[in-house]
Amino acid sequence: MLDQKIVEKLRERYKGLHPLIFHRSVEHARTDVELFDILESIPKSYPISWSEDNFCWVKTDLIRETKLSSRR
């Protein structure tokens, strides 16, 4: 479980990060350390998507995720 005081401090530290990306990062993290690692590894340019294999945000050239495309 994440310590809400640490989450709030990280929210202040990463205030330039889009709120949805921060929120989704919090959802993926199991510990405070994991949240910090996830936030530190976010690519500087967009578009990005979550990689379950690497457990981090990754730069992508695709605007839509592959999983969404396969639903057609």
Protein backbone atom coordinates (compact mmCIF):
# COMPACT_ATOMS: atom_id res chain seq x y z
CA MET A 1 0.00 0.00 0.00
CA LEU A 2 1.23 3.47 -0.84
CA ASP A 3 1.86 6.14 1.76
CA GLN A 4 -0.42 9.06 0.82
CA LYS A 5 2.06 11.63 2.19
CA ILE A 6 4.72 10.31 -0.18
CA VAL A 7 2.25 10.24 -3.08
CA GLU A 8 1.38 13.89 -2.43
CA LYS A 9 5.07 14.87 -2.27
CA LEU A 10 5.68 13.07 -5.56
CA ARG A 11 2.63 14.82 -7.05
CA GLU A 12 4.25 18.15 -6.10
CA ARG A 13 7.62 17.07 -7.50
CA TYR A 14 6.06 16.00 -10.82
CA LYS A 15 3.53 18.83 -11.09
CA GLY A 16 4.38 19.29 -14.79
CA LEU A 17 3.29 15.72 -15.53
CA HIS A 18 -0.20 15.24 -16.93
CA PRO A 19 -2.53 14.33 -14.01
CA LEU A 20 -3.88 11.24 -15.78
CA ILE A 21 -0.39 9.82 -16.31
CA PHE A 22 0.40 10.45 -12.65
CA HIS A 23 -2.86 8.79 -11.57
CA ARG A 24 -2.28 5.74 -13.78
CA SER A 25 1.28 5.48 -12.44
CA VAL A 26 -0.09 5.40 -8.90
CA GLU A 27 -2.50 2.62 -9.94
CA HIS A 28 0.34 0.50 -11.35
CA ALA A 29 2.71 0.97 -8.40
CA ARG A 30 2.58 -1.47 -5.50
CA THR A 31 5.10 0.40 -3.32
CA ASP A 32 6.37 3.95 -2.91
CA VAL A 33 9.70 2.93 -4.42
CA GLU A 34 7.97 1.47 -7.49
CA LEU A 35 6.01 4.69 -7.94
CA PHE A 36 9.20 6.74 -7.80
CA ASP A 37 10.90 4.41 -10.32
CA ILE A 38 7.90 4.59 -12.66
CA LEU A 39 7.79 8.38 -12.52
CA GLU A 40 11.55 8.70 -13.02
CA SER A 41 11.45 6.49 -16.11
CA ILE A 42 8.68 8.35 -17.99
CA PRO A 43 9.91 9.34 -21.47
CA LYS A 44 10.29 13.07 -22.09
CA SER A 45 8.34 13.01 -25.34
CA TYR A 46 4.91 11.67 -26.31
CA PRO A 47 3.03 9.55 -27.27
CA ILE A 48 3.66 7.01 -24.53
CA SER A 49 1.91 3.86 -23.42
CA TRP A 50 2.17 1.50 -20.47
CA SER A 51 4.29 -1.61 -21.01
CA GLU A 52 3.24 -4.56 -18.85
CA ASP A 53 6.38 -6.43 -19.92
CA ASN A 54 8.75 -3.67 -18.76
CA PHE A 55 6.48 -2.31 -15.98
CA CYS A 56 7.02 1.28 -17.13
CA TRP A 57 5.85 3.92 -19.58
CA VAL A 58 7.47 3.59 -23.00
CA LYS A 59 7.67 5.85 -26.03
CA THR A 60 5.56 4.60 -28.90
CA ASP A 61 5.04 5.66 -32.48
CA LEU A 62 1.51 4.28 -32.39
CA ILE A 63 -1.21 6.62 -31.21
CA ARG A 64 -3.55 3.72 -30.52
CA GLU A 65 -2.49 0.68 -28.52
CA THR A 66 -2.18 -2.60 -30.37
CA LYS A 67 -4.72 -4.19 -28.02
CA LEU A 68 -7.35 -1.65 -29.04
CA SER A 69 -6.72 -2.28 -32.74
CA SER A 70 -7.22 -6.03 -32.33
CA ARG A 71 -10.76 -5.56 -31.00
CA ARG A 72 -12.13 -4.69 -34.42
